[in-house]
């Protein structure tokens, strides 16, 4: 009996190794998300390709672990606002976009590891709105701007570092296939421009496991 009691006491005194990212877990991450387009477009009225600038917003991800190694994640964010223009003219317009993206993920190592690198693949839907020419664009005779919504594939790689049982630090990079059509009028003449945005998205933040 004394031996059994001693064994139980030793087990009770041992540190408990908490699992992270185990089956059934749900966690949320929040941090900065920077969209960096690798844009290209049809030639715009003989003036070259459209340029789209970078933008940083609050990024949010929501993840459910189907198993200890397989997760499903949804990316959301506050609306990104991009300046669009030409090298010859400068900024001509602004447009807002939201890129919700659904990913299937694979997490490496076991659930007790402090470091959990992962990769993912999925689908992106990007909706564009509030597209409008600025005064420079209007003075050049441009009007009626619209940008078509886009569906495309997406991929990611990331790393979680477990701080304690509930908190983690995350860094990840995403690539999204975003192809769209930009429509506008130039001095009353309809213009349809095919555009490839295909951004890299860089995310850095913290996560909480529920």
N, C-alpha and C. Protein backbone atom coordinates (compact mmCIF):
# COMPACT_ATOMS: atom_id res chain seq x y z
N UNK A 1 0.83 -1.20 0.00
CA UNK A 1 0.00 0.00 0.00
C UNK A 1 0.86 1.26 0.00
N UNK A 2 1.94 1.21 0.81
CA UNK A 2 2.84 2.36 0.86
C UNK A 2 3.47 2.61 -0.51
N UNK A 3 3.82 1.54 -1.23
CA UNK A 3 4.43 1.66 -2.55
C UNK A 3 3.44 2.27 -3.54
N UNK A 4 2.18 1.82 -3.45
CA UNK A 4 1.15 2.35 -4.35
C UNK A 4 0.91 3.83 -4.08
N UNK A 5 0.86 4.18 -2.76
CA UNK A 5 0.65 5.58 -2.42
C UNK A 5 1.80 6.45 -2.90
N UNK A 6 3.03 5.94 -2.80
CA UNK A 6 4.21 6.68 -3.28
C UNK A 6 4.15 6.89 -4.79
N UNK A 7 3.74 5.84 -5.52
CA UNK A 7 3.63 5.94 -6.98
C UNK A 7 2.60 6.98 -7.38
N UNK A 8 1.44 6.99 -6.69
CA UNK A 8 0.41 7.97 -7.00
C UNK A 8 0.89 9.39 -6.72
N UNK A 9 1.64 9.55 -5.64
CA UNK A 9 2.17 10.87 -5.30
C UNK A 9 3.16 11.35 -6.35
N UNK A 10 3.98 10.45 -6.87
CA UNK A 10 4.96 10.82 -7.90
C UNK A 10 4.26 11.23 -9.19
N UNK A 11 3.20 10.51 -9.56
CA UNK A 11 2.45 10.85 -10.78
C UNK A 11 1.81 12.22 -10.63
N UNK A 12 1.24 12.47 -9.42
CA UNK A 12 0.58 13.75 -9.18
C UNK A 12 1.56 14.91 -9.24
N UNK A 13 2.80 14.65 -8.85
CA UNK A 13 3.82 15.71 -8.83
C UNK A 13 4.42 15.99 -10.18
N UNK A 14 4.25 15.08 -11.16
CA UNK A 14 4.83 15.26 -12.49
C UNK A 14 4.11 16.38 -13.24
N UNK A 15 4.82 17.18 -14.03
CA UNK A 15 4.17 18.24 -14.81
C UNK A 15 3.27 17.64 -15.88
N UNK A 16 2.12 18.25 -16.06
CA UNK A 16 1.17 17.77 -17.07
C UNK A 16 1.49 18.44 -18.40
N UNK A 17 1.67 17.64 -19.44
CA UNK A 17 1.94 18.17 -20.77
C UNK A 17 0.61 18.36 -21.49
N UNK A 18 0.24 19.61 -21.69
CA UNK A 18 -1.03 19.90 -22.33
C UNK A 18 -0.89 19.78 -23.84
N UNK A 19 -1.90 19.20 -24.45
CA UNK A 19 -1.88 19.07 -25.91
C UNK A 19 -2.32 20.37 -26.55
N UNK A 20 -1.81 20.61 -27.74
CA UNK A 20 -2.25 21.76 -28.53
C UNK A 20 -2.70 21.27 -29.88
N UNK A 21 -3.72 21.92 -30.44
CA UNK A 21 -4.21 21.54 -31.76
C UNK A 21 -4.64 20.08 -31.78
N UNK A 22 -5.41 19.66 -30.83
CA UNK A 22 -5.87 18.28 -30.83
C UNK A 22 -7.29 18.19 -31.38
N UNK A 23 -7.71 16.99 -31.70
CA UNK A 23 -9.01 16.75 -32.30
C UNK A 23 -10.12 17.43 -31.50
N UNK A 24 -10.97 18.16 -32.22
CA UNK A 24 -12.10 18.81 -31.59
C UNK A 24 -11.84 20.23 -31.13
N UNK A 25 -10.59 20.67 -31.12
CA UNK A 25 -10.26 22.03 -30.69
C UNK A 25 -10.79 23.06 -31.68
N UNK A 26 -11.16 24.21 -31.14
CA UNK A 26 -11.49 25.38 -31.96
C UNK A 26 -10.64 26.54 -31.47
N UNK A 27 -9.99 27.22 -32.38
CA UNK A 27 -9.22 28.38 -31.96
C UNK A 27 -9.31 29.51 -32.99
N UNK A 28 -9.05 30.72 -32.50
CA UNK A 28 -9.13 31.92 -33.32
C UNK A 28 -7.80 32.65 -33.24
N UNK A 29 -7.36 33.20 -34.38
CA UNK A 29 -6.16 34.02 -34.41
C UNK A 29 -6.55 35.42 -34.88
N UNK A 30 -5.83 36.42 -34.38
CA UNK A 30 -6.05 37.80 -34.80
C UNK A 30 -4.70 38.49 -34.93
N UNK A 31 -4.55 39.33 -35.94
CA UNK A 31 -3.28 40.02 -36.13
C UNK A 31 -3.29 40.86 -37.39
N UNK A 32 -2.12 41.27 -37.81
CA UNK A 32 -2.00 42.10 -39.02
C UNK A 32 -1.94 41.21 -40.26
N UNK A 33 -2.71 41.58 -41.26
CA UNK A 33 -2.70 40.88 -42.55
C UNK A 33 -2.36 41.90 -43.64
N UNK A 34 -1.26 41.67 -44.33
CA UNK A 34 -0.81 42.58 -45.38
C UNK A 34 -0.96 41.92 -46.74
N UNK A 35 -1.72 42.56 -47.62
CA UNK A 35 -1.93 42.07 -48.98
C UNK A 35 -0.94 42.77 -49.90
N UNK A 36 -0.13 41.96 -50.61
CA UNK A 36 0.84 42.50 -51.56
C UNK A 36 0.55 41.92 -52.95
N UNK A 37 -0.17 42.67 -53.79
CA UNK A 37 -0.52 42.16 -55.11
C UNK A 37 0.71 41.96 -55.99
N UNK A 38 0.65 40.93 -56.84
CA UNK A 38 1.66 40.74 -57.90
C UNK A 38 0.94 40.98 -59.22
N UNK A 39 0.44 42.21 -59.36
CA UNK A 39 -0.56 42.51 -60.37
C UNK A 39 0.00 42.55 -61.79
N UNK A 40 -0.92 42.40 -62.70
CA UNK A 40 -0.66 42.59 -64.13
C UNK A 40 -2.02 42.73 -64.80
N UNK A 41 -2.08 43.45 -65.90
CA UNK A 41 -3.36 43.61 -66.59
C UNK A 41 -3.12 43.81 -68.08
N UNK A 42 -4.22 43.79 -68.82
CA UNK A 42 -4.15 44.19 -70.22
C UNK A 42 -3.63 45.63 -70.29
N UNK A 43 -3.12 45.98 -71.44
CA UNK A 43 -2.68 47.36 -71.64
C UNK A 43 -3.88 48.30 -71.55
N UNK A 44 -3.74 49.35 -70.76
CA UNK A 44 -4.85 50.27 -70.52
C UNK A 44 -4.69 51.50 -71.41
N UNK A 45 -5.45 51.55 -72.49
CA UNK A 45 -5.47 52.70 -73.39
C UNK A 45 -4.07 53.11 -73.86
N UNK A 46 -3.20 52.10 -74.03
CA UNK A 46 -1.86 52.36 -74.50
C UNK A 46 -0.92 52.96 -73.46
N UNK A 47 -1.34 52.96 -72.18
CA UNK A 47 -0.55 53.59 -71.11
C UNK A 47 0.10 52.58 -70.18
N UNK A 48 -0.03 51.29 -70.47
CA UNK A 48 0.60 50.28 -69.63
C UNK A 48 -0.39 49.54 -68.76
N UNK A 49 0.14 48.81 -67.78
CA UNK A 49 -0.66 47.95 -66.91
C UNK A 49 -1.08 48.69 -65.65
N UNK A 50 -2.23 48.33 -65.11
CA UNK A 50 -2.67 48.89 -63.84
C UNK A 50 -1.70 48.49 -62.71
N UNK A 51 -1.46 49.42 -61.79
CA UNK A 51 -0.71 49.16 -60.56
C UNK A 51 -1.70 49.15 -59.39
N UNK A 52 -1.47 48.23 -58.44
CA UNK A 52 -2.30 48.15 -57.23
C UNK A 52 -1.37 48.15 -56.02
N UNK A 53 -1.63 49.04 -55.05
CA UNK A 53 -0.71 49.14 -53.92
C UNK A 53 -1.03 48.12 -52.82
N UNK A 54 -0.09 47.96 -51.88
CA UNK A 54 -0.27 47.08 -50.73
C UNK A 54 -1.24 47.71 -49.74
N UNK A 55 -1.82 46.85 -48.87
CA UNK A 55 -2.65 47.37 -47.80
C UNK A 55 -2.64 46.39 -46.63
N UNK A 56 -2.66 46.93 -45.40
CA UNK A 56 -2.65 46.11 -44.19
C UNK A 56 -3.92 46.36 -43.39
N UNK A 57 -4.55 45.28 -42.95
CA UNK A 57 -5.77 45.37 -42.15
C UNK A 57 -5.72 44.33 -41.03
N UNK A 58 -6.75 44.33 -40.18
CA UNK A 58 -6.90 43.31 -39.15
C UNK A 58 -7.31 42.00 -39.80
N UNK A 59 -6.51 40.96 -39.61
CA UNK A 59 -6.84 39.64 -40.13
C UNK A 59 -7.36 38.74 -39.02
N UNK A 60 -8.32 37.87 -39.35
CA UNK A 60 -8.89 36.92 -38.40
C UNK A 60 -8.94 35.55 -39.05
N UNK A 61 -8.56 34.52 -38.31
CA UNK A 61 -8.73 33.16 -38.79
C UNK A 61 -9.45 32.35 -37.73
N UNK A 62 -10.30 31.44 -38.19
CA UNK A 62 -11.08 30.57 -37.32
C UNK A 62 -10.81 29.13 -37.74
N UNK A 63 -10.32 28.31 -36.80
CA UNK A 63 -9.86 26.97 -37.14
C UNK A 63 -10.53 25.93 -36.26
N UNK A 64 -10.97 24.84 -36.89
CA UNK A 64 -11.49 23.67 -36.17
C UNK A 64 -10.62 22.47 -36.55
N UNK A 65 -10.17 21.74 -35.52
CA UNK A 65 -9.32 20.58 -35.74
C UNK A 65 -10.18 19.32 -35.88
N UNK A 66 -10.21 18.76 -37.09
CA UNK A 66 -10.96 17.52 -37.33
C UNK A 66 -10.25 16.32 -36.70
N UNK A 67 -8.91 16.34 -36.71
CA UNK A 67 -8.08 15.35 -36.04
C UNK A 67 -6.92 16.11 -35.38
N UNK A 68 -5.99 15.39 -34.77
CA UNK A 68 -4.82 16.07 -34.19
C UNK A 68 -3.96 16.73 -35.25
N UNK A 69 -4.08 16.32 -36.51
CA UNK A 69 -3.20 16.83 -37.57
C UNK A 69 -3.92 17.51 -38.72
N UNK A 70 -5.24 17.41 -38.79
CA UNK A 70 -5.99 17.98 -39.91
C UNK A 70 -6.95 19.03 -39.38
N UNK A 71 -6.86 20.23 -39.96
CA UNK A 71 -7.72 21.33 -39.56
C UNK A 71 -8.45 21.94 -40.75
N UNK A 72 -9.51 22.68 -40.43
CA UNK A 72 -10.26 23.44 -41.43
C UNK A 72 -10.26 24.89 -40.96
N UNK A 73 -9.85 25.81 -41.83
CA UNK A 73 -9.68 27.21 -41.42
C UNK A 73 -10.39 28.16 -42.37
N UNK A 74 -10.98 29.20 -41.78
CA UNK A 74 -11.60 30.28 -42.55
C UNK A 74 -10.84 31.56 -42.26
N UNK A 75 -10.42 32.24 -43.32
CA UNK A 75 -9.75 33.54 -43.20
C UNK A 75 -10.77 34.65 -43.43
N UNK A 76 -10.76 35.64 -42.52
CA UNK A 76 -11.58 36.84 -42.68
C UNK A 76 -10.70 38.04 -42.35
N UNK A 77 -11.21 39.24 -42.63
CA UNK A 77 -10.43 40.46 -42.37
C UNK A 77 -11.34 41.66 -42.45
N UNK A 78 -10.87 42.77 -41.89
CA UNK A 78 -11.54 44.03 -42.16
C UNK A 78 -11.23 44.41 -43.62
N UNK A 79 -12.08 45.21 -44.26
CA UNK A 79 -11.93 45.45 -45.70
C UNK A 79 -10.58 46.08 -46.08
N UNK A 80 -9.97 45.52 -47.11
CA UNK A 80 -8.73 46.08 -47.65
C UNK A 80 -9.09 47.20 -48.63
N UNK A 81 -8.29 48.27 -48.61
CA UNK A 81 -8.52 49.41 -49.49
C UNK A 81 -7.26 49.63 -50.32
N UNK A 82 -7.39 49.51 -51.64
CA UNK A 82 -6.24 49.60 -52.53
C UNK A 82 -6.35 50.81 -53.45
N UNK A 83 -5.21 51.45 -53.70
CA UNK A 83 -5.12 52.49 -54.71
C UNK A 83 -4.74 51.85 -56.03
N UNK A 84 -5.41 52.25 -57.11
CA UNK A 84 -5.18 51.69 -58.44
C UNK A 84 -4.80 52.83 -59.38
N UNK A 85 -3.78 52.60 -60.19
CA UNK A 85 -3.38 53.65 -61.12
C UNK A 85 -2.46 53.14 -62.20
N UNK A 86 -1.83 54.08 -62.89
CA UNK A 86 -0.88 53.78 -63.95
C UNK A 86 0.41 54.53 -63.67
N UNK A 87 1.51 53.99 -64.13
CA UNK A 87 2.79 54.66 -63.92
C UNK A 87 2.79 56.07 -64.52
N UNK A 88 2.09 56.23 -65.64
CA UNK A 88 2.10 57.52 -66.34
C UNK A 88 1.20 58.56 -65.69
N UNK A 89 0.23 58.10 -64.89
CA UNK A 89 -0.77 59.04 -64.36
C UNK A 89 -0.79 59.12 -62.83
N UNK A 90 -0.21 58.15 -62.15
CA UNK A 90 -0.37 58.06 -60.70
C UNK A 90 -1.71 57.42 -60.36
N UNK A 91 -2.14 57.58 -59.11
CA UNK A 91 -3.39 56.96 -58.65
C UNK A 91 -4.59 57.55 -59.37
N UNK A 92 -5.45 56.65 -59.86
CA UNK A 92 -6.66 57.06 -60.56
C UNK A 92 -7.93 56.71 -59.80
N UNK A 93 -7.85 55.68 -58.93
CA UNK A 93 -9.06 55.19 -58.28
C UNK A 93 -8.70 54.46 -57.00
N UNK A 94 -9.72 54.18 -56.20
CA UNK A 94 -9.59 53.31 -55.04
C UNK A 94 -10.67 52.25 -55.10
N UNK A 95 -10.39 51.10 -54.50
CA UNK A 95 -11.36 50.01 -54.46
C UNK A 95 -11.18 49.26 -53.15
N UNK A 96 -12.26 48.80 -52.60
CA UNK A 96 -12.21 47.97 -51.39
C UNK A 96 -12.50 46.53 -51.78
N UNK A 97 -11.91 45.60 -50.99
CA UNK A 97 -12.16 44.19 -51.26
C UNK A 97 -12.11 43.38 -49.98
N UNK A 98 -12.85 42.28 -49.98
CA UNK A 98 -12.83 41.29 -48.90
C UNK A 98 -12.53 39.93 -49.52
N UNK A 99 -11.55 39.18 -48.96
CA UNK A 99 -11.15 37.91 -49.57
C UNK A 99 -11.38 36.69 -48.68
N UNK A 100 -12.61 36.38 -48.24
CA UNK A 100 -12.79 35.19 -47.41
C UNK A 100 -12.25 33.94 -48.10
N UNK A 101 -11.51 33.13 -47.34
CA UNK A 101 -10.81 31.97 -47.90
C UNK A 101 -10.97 30.78 -46.98
N UNK A 102 -11.35 29.64 -47.53
CA UNK A 102 -11.53 28.41 -46.76
C UNK A 102 -10.42 27.44 -47.09
N UNK A 103 -9.76 26.91 -46.04
CA UNK A 103 -8.58 26.06 -46.21
C UNK A 103 -8.74 24.71 -45.52
N UNK A 104 -8.22 23.66 -46.15
CA UNK A 104 -7.97 22.39 -45.48
C UNK A 104 -6.48 22.35 -45.15
N UNK A 105 -6.15 22.02 -43.90
CA UNK A 105 -4.76 22.14 -43.43
C UNK A 105 -4.22 20.81 -42.91
N UNK A 106 -2.89 20.68 -43.01
CA UNK A 106 -2.21 19.56 -42.36
C UNK A 106 -1.16 20.11 -41.42
N UNK A 107 -1.23 19.71 -40.14
CA UNK A 107 -0.30 20.15 -39.10
C UNK A 107 0.74 19.06 -38.84
N UNK A 108 2.00 19.45 -38.86
CA UNK A 108 3.09 18.52 -38.62
C UNK A 108 3.34 18.35 -37.12
N UNK A 109 4.09 17.33 -36.77
CA UNK A 109 4.43 16.97 -35.38
C UNK A 109 3.18 16.50 -34.64
N UNK A 110 3.35 16.16 -33.35
CA UNK A 110 2.20 15.65 -32.59
C UNK A 110 1.55 16.76 -31.79
N UNK A 111 0.41 16.44 -31.18
CA UNK A 111 -0.41 17.46 -30.53
C UNK A 111 0.25 18.08 -29.30
N UNK A 112 1.28 17.45 -28.73
CA UNK A 112 1.96 17.99 -27.55
C UNK A 112 3.11 18.94 -27.91
N UNK A 113 3.42 19.07 -29.18
CA UNK A 113 4.55 19.90 -29.60
C UNK A 113 4.25 21.39 -29.41
N UNK A 114 5.25 22.13 -28.96
CA UNK A 114 5.09 23.58 -28.85
C UNK A 114 5.05 24.23 -30.23
N UNK A 115 5.80 23.69 -31.17
CA UNK A 115 5.83 24.21 -32.53
C UNK A 115 4.97 23.33 -33.43
N UNK A 116 4.03 23.95 -34.16
CA UNK A 116 3.20 23.20 -35.11
C UNK A 116 3.23 23.88 -36.47
N UNK A 117 4.19 23.55 -37.32
CA UNK A 117 4.15 24.05 -38.69
C UNK A 117 3.01 23.38 -39.45
N UNK A 118 2.47 24.08 -40.45
CA UNK A 118 1.36 23.52 -41.20
C UNK A 118 1.34 24.07 -42.62
N UNK A 119 0.64 23.35 -43.48
CA UNK A 119 0.39 23.80 -44.85
C UNK A 119 -1.09 23.65 -45.11
N UNK A 120 -1.59 24.39 -46.10
CA UNK A 120 -3.01 24.31 -46.41
C UNK A 120 -3.29 24.62 -47.86
N UNK A 121 -4.44 24.18 -48.32
CA UNK A 121 -4.90 24.47 -49.68
C UNK A 121 -6.41 24.62 -49.64
N UNK A 122 -6.92 25.52 -50.49
CA UNK A 122 -8.36 25.73 -50.46
C UNK A 122 -8.83 26.65 -51.56
N UNK A 123 -9.91 27.36 -51.27
CA UNK A 123 -10.56 28.20 -52.28
C UNK A 123 -10.79 29.60 -51.72
N UNK A 124 -10.61 30.58 -52.59
CA UNK A 124 -10.78 31.99 -52.22
C UNK A 124 -11.92 32.61 -53.01
N UNK A 125 -12.71 33.43 -52.32
CA UNK A 125 -13.70 34.26 -52.99
C UNK A 125 -13.39 35.71 -52.63
N UNK A 126 -13.18 36.55 -53.62
CA UNK A 126 -12.89 37.96 -53.38
C UNK A 126 -14.00 38.81 -53.97
N UNK A 127 -14.59 39.64 -53.11
CA UNK A 127 -15.61 40.56 -53.57
C UNK A 127 -15.07 41.98 -53.53
N UNK A 128 -15.28 42.73 -54.61
CA UNK A 128 -14.82 44.11 -54.73
C UNK A 128 -16.02 45.06 -54.64
N UNK A 129 -15.82 46.19 -53.97
CA UNK A 129 -16.91 47.16 -53.85
C UNK A 129 -16.31 48.56 -53.60
N UNK A 130 -17.17 49.56 -53.61
CA UNK A 130 -16.76 50.96 -53.43
C UNK A 130 -15.63 51.34 -54.39
N UNK A 131 -15.72 50.84 -55.61
CA UNK A 131 -14.72 51.21 -56.63
C UNK A 131 -15.11 52.57 -57.22
N UNK A 132 -14.17 53.52 -57.18
CA UNK A 132 -14.52 54.86 -57.63
C UNK A 132 -13.27 55.59 -58.12
N UNK A 133 -13.41 56.36 -59.18
CA UNK A 133 -12.31 57.18 -59.67
C UNK A 133 -12.14 58.40 -58.77
N UNK A 134 -10.87 58.80 -58.56
CA UNK A 134 -10.61 60.04 -57.83
C UNK A 134 -10.68 61.21 -58.81
N UNK A 135 -10.33 62.41 -58.33
CA UNK A 135 -10.44 63.59 -59.19
C UNK A 135 -9.52 63.49 -60.40
N UNK A 136 -8.34 62.90 -60.22
CA UNK A 136 -7.42 62.72 -61.36
C UNK A 136 -8.07 61.88 -62.44
N UNK A 137 -8.73 60.79 -62.03
CA UNK A 137 -9.40 59.93 -62.99
C UNK A 137 -10.57 60.62 -63.66
N UNK A 138 -11.35 61.34 -62.87
CA UNK A 138 -12.51 62.03 -63.45
C UNK A 138 -12.06 63.13 -64.41
N UNK A 139 -10.97 63.83 -64.06
CA UNK A 139 -10.47 64.88 -64.96
C UNK A 139 -9.98 64.29 -66.28
N UNK A 140 -9.57 62.99 -66.26
CA UNK A 140 -9.12 62.33 -67.48
C UNK A 140 -10.27 61.74 -68.29
N UNK A 141 -11.50 61.98 -67.84
CA UNK A 141 -12.68 61.51 -68.57
C UNK A 141 -13.07 60.07 -68.24
N UNK A 142 -12.64 59.56 -67.08
CA UNK A 142 -12.96 58.19 -66.68
C UNK A 142 -14.18 58.17 -65.77
N UNK A 143 -15.05 57.16 -65.96
CA UNK A 143 -16.27 57.08 -65.16
C UNK A 143 -16.78 55.64 -65.12
N UNK A 144 -17.81 55.42 -64.31
CA UNK A 144 -18.53 54.14 -64.24
C UNK A 144 -17.60 52.94 -63.98
N UNK A 145 -16.80 53.04 -62.93
CA UNK A 145 -15.85 51.98 -62.60
C UNK A 145 -16.53 50.84 -61.86
N UNK A 146 -16.23 49.60 -62.28
CA UNK A 146 -16.69 48.42 -61.56
C UNK A 146 -15.64 47.33 -61.68
N UNK A 147 -15.57 46.45 -60.66
CA UNK A 147 -14.60 45.37 -60.63
C UNK A 147 -15.34 44.07 -60.32
N UNK A 148 -15.15 43.07 -61.16
CA UNK A 148 -15.88 41.80 -61.03
C UNK A 148 -15.33 40.95 -59.89
N UNK A 149 -16.23 40.32 -59.12
CA UNK A 149 -15.82 39.39 -58.06
C UNK A 149 -15.07 38.20 -58.64
N UNK A 150 -14.29 37.54 -57.78
CA UNK A 150 -13.38 36.49 -58.27
C UNK A 150 -13.46 35.23 -57.40
N UNK A 151 -13.37 34.06 -58.04
CA UNK A 151 -13.17 32.77 -57.38
C UNK A 151 -11.81 32.23 -57.83
N UNK A 152 -11.06 31.63 -56.90
CA UNK A 152 -9.77 31.06 -57.28
C UNK A 152 -9.22 30.16 -56.20
N UNK A 153 -8.14 29.48 -56.52
CA UNK A 153 -7.47 28.60 -55.56
C UNK A 153 -6.57 29.41 -54.64
N UNK A 154 -6.24 28.82 -53.49
CA UNK A 154 -5.36 29.47 -52.53
C UNK A 154 -4.49 28.43 -51.83
N UNK A 155 -3.32 28.86 -51.38
CA UNK A 155 -2.42 27.99 -50.63
C UNK A 155 -1.81 28.75 -49.48
N UNK A 156 -1.30 28.03 -48.48
CA UNK A 156 -0.72 28.71 -47.33
C UNK A 156 0.34 27.82 -46.68
N UNK A 157 1.21 28.46 -45.90
CA UNK A 157 2.15 27.79 -45.01
C UNK A 157 2.25 28.64 -43.76
N UNK A 158 2.31 27.98 -42.60
CA UNK A 158 2.33 28.75 -41.37
C UNK A 158 2.99 28.01 -40.23
N UNK A 159 3.07 28.69 -39.10
CA UNK A 159 3.71 28.12 -37.91
C UNK A 159 3.04 28.69 -36.68
N UNK A 160 2.61 27.79 -35.78
CA UNK A 160 2.09 28.17 -34.48
C UNK A 160 3.13 27.83 -33.41
N UNK A 161 3.30 28.74 -32.45
CA UNK A 161 4.15 28.47 -31.28
C UNK A 161 3.27 28.58 -30.04
N UNK A 162 3.16 27.48 -29.30
CA UNK A 162 2.30 27.45 -28.12
C UNK A 162 2.97 28.17 -26.96
N UNK A 163 2.32 29.23 -26.43
CA UNK A 163 2.82 29.96 -25.28
C UNK A 163 2.40 29.28 -23.98
N UNK A 164 1.11 28.90 -23.90
CA UNK A 164 0.60 28.13 -22.77
C UNK A 164 -0.55 27.28 -23.27
N UNK A 165 -1.39 26.79 -22.36
CA UNK A 165 -2.44 25.85 -22.76
C UNK A 165 -3.44 26.47 -23.75
N UNK A 166 -3.60 27.78 -23.72
CA UNK A 166 -4.62 28.42 -24.55
C UNK A 166 -4.08 29.41 -25.57
N UNK A 167 -2.92 30.01 -25.32
CA UNK A 167 -2.43 31.07 -26.19
C UNK A 167 -1.30 30.59 -27.10
N UNK A 168 -1.25 31.16 -28.29
CA UNK A 168 -0.22 30.82 -29.26
C UNK A 168 0.18 32.06 -30.05
N UNK A 169 1.36 32.02 -30.64
CA UNK A 169 1.82 33.04 -31.58
C UNK A 169 1.84 32.41 -32.97
N UNK A 170 1.39 33.15 -33.97
CA UNK A 170 1.28 32.60 -35.31
C UNK A 170 1.92 33.51 -36.34
N UNK A 171 2.57 32.90 -37.33
CA UNK A 171 3.03 33.59 -38.54
C UNK A 171 2.67 32.71 -39.73
N UNK A 172 2.13 33.32 -40.78
CA UNK A 172 1.74 32.53 -41.95
C UNK A 172 1.79 33.38 -43.20
N UNK A 173 1.88 32.71 -44.32
CA UNK A 173 1.86 33.38 -45.62
C UNK A 173 0.86 32.65 -46.52
N UNK A 174 0.09 33.42 -47.26
CA UNK A 174 -0.95 32.90 -48.15
C UNK A 174 -0.65 33.36 -49.58
N UNK A 175 -1.07 32.55 -50.54
CA UNK A 175 -1.05 32.98 -51.94
C UNK A 175 -2.45 32.75 -52.50
N UNK A 176 -3.00 33.75 -53.18
CA UNK A 176 -4.37 33.66 -53.69
C UNK A 176 -4.40 33.95 -55.19
N UNK A 177 -5.14 33.13 -55.90
CA UNK A 177 -5.33 33.30 -57.34
C UNK A 177 -6.56 34.19 -57.54
N UNK A 178 -6.35 35.47 -57.81
CA UNK A 178 -7.43 36.43 -57.99
C UNK A 178 -7.34 37.05 -59.38
N UNK A 179 -8.25 36.66 -60.24
CA UNK A 179 -8.35 37.22 -61.59
C UNK A 179 -9.69 37.92 -61.72
N UNK A 180 -9.69 39.12 -62.26
CA UNK A 180 -10.92 39.89 -62.32
C UNK A 180 -11.00 40.66 -63.64
N UNK A 181 -12.12 41.32 -63.83
CA UNK A 181 -12.32 42.18 -65.00
C UNK A 181 -12.70 43.57 -64.50
N UNK A 182 -11.96 44.56 -64.95
CA UNK A 182 -12.22 45.96 -64.59
C UNK A 182 -12.96 46.62 -65.74
N UNK A 183 -14.12 47.21 -65.44
CA UNK A 183 -14.90 47.88 -66.47
C UNK A 183 -15.03 49.36 -66.12
N UNK A 184 -14.90 50.21 -67.14
CA UNK A 184 -15.08 51.65 -66.96
C UNK A 184 -15.28 52.30 -68.32
N UNK A 185 -15.62 53.56 -68.29
CA UNK A 185 -15.77 54.33 -69.52
C UNK A 185 -14.69 55.40 -69.59
N UNK A 186 -14.10 55.55 -70.77
CA UNK A 186 -13.09 56.57 -71.02
C UNK A 186 -13.65 57.51 -72.09
N UNK A 187 -14.02 58.69 -71.66
CA UNK A 187 -14.68 59.66 -72.57
C UNK A 187 -15.87 59.03 -73.28
N UNK A 188 -16.64 58.27 -72.50
CA UNK A 188 -17.86 57.66 -73.01
C UNK A 188 -17.69 56.33 -73.69
N UNK A 189 -16.46 55.89 -73.95
CA UNK A 189 -16.19 54.63 -74.62
C UNK A 189 -15.96 53.52 -73.59
N UNK A 190 -16.69 52.41 -73.74
CA UNK A 190 -16.58 51.31 -72.79
C UNK A 190 -15.21 50.62 -72.88
N UNK A 191 -14.60 50.38 -71.71
CA UNK A 191 -13.31 49.69 -71.62
C UNK A 191 -13.47 48.48 -70.70
N UNK A 192 -13.02 47.31 -71.15
CA UNK A 192 -13.01 46.09 -70.34
C UNK A 192 -11.57 45.59 -70.26
N UNK A 193 -11.01 45.59 -69.05
CA UNK A 193 -9.61 45.24 -68.85
C UNK A 193 -9.50 43.99 -67.97
N UNK A 194 -8.89 42.94 -68.49
CA UNK A 194 -8.63 41.74 -67.68
C UNK A 194 -7.43 42.01 -66.77
N UNK A 195 -7.57 41.62 -65.50
CA UNK A 195 -6.53 41.93 -64.52
C UNK A 195 -6.23 40.74 -63.63
N UNK A 196 -4.95 40.51 -63.39
CA UNK A 196 -4.49 39.45 -62.49
C UNK A 196 -3.88 40.13 -61.27
N UNK A 197 -4.45 39.88 -60.08
CA UNK A 197 -3.95 40.49 -58.85
C UNK A 197 -3.03 39.53 -58.10
N UNK A 198 -3.46 38.27 -57.93
CA UNK A 198 -2.66 37.18 -57.37
C UNK A 198 -1.75 37.62 -56.21
N UNK A 199 -2.34 38.03 -55.09
CA UNK A 199 -1.50 38.59 -54.01
C UNK A 199 -0.86 37.53 -53.11
N UNK A 200 0.24 37.92 -52.49
CA UNK A 200 0.76 37.25 -51.29
C UNK A 200 0.15 37.97 -50.10
N UNK A 201 -0.27 37.21 -49.11
CA UNK A 201 -0.82 37.78 -47.88
C UNK A 201 0.04 37.31 -46.71
N UNK A 202 0.58 38.27 -45.96
CA UNK A 202 1.46 37.96 -44.84
C UNK A 202 0.72 38.26 -43.53
N UNK A 203 0.63 37.24 -42.68
CA UNK A 203 -0.13 37.35 -41.44
C UNK A 203 0.79 37.11 -40.24
N UNK A 204 0.66 37.97 -39.22
CA UNK A 204 1.38 37.77 -37.97
C UNK A 204 0.45 38.16 -36.83
N UNK A 205 0.24 37.24 -35.87
CA UNK A 205 -0.69 37.56 -34.79
C UNK A 205 -0.62 36.56 -33.65
N UNK A 206 -1.65 36.60 -32.84
CA UNK A 206 -1.78 35.71 -31.69
C UNK A 206 -3.06 34.90 -31.84
N UNK A 207 -3.08 33.73 -31.20
CA UNK A 207 -4.26 32.89 -31.26
C UNK A 207 -4.68 32.45 -29.88
N UNK A 208 -5.97 32.11 -29.76
CA UNK A 208 -6.52 31.62 -28.49
C UNK A 208 -7.31 30.35 -28.75
N UNK A 209 -7.03 29.32 -27.98
CA UNK A 209 -7.73 28.04 -28.11
C UNK A 209 -8.89 27.98 -27.12
N UNK A 210 -10.09 27.67 -27.62
CA UNK A 210 -11.27 27.58 -26.76
C UNK A 210 -11.49 26.15 -26.27
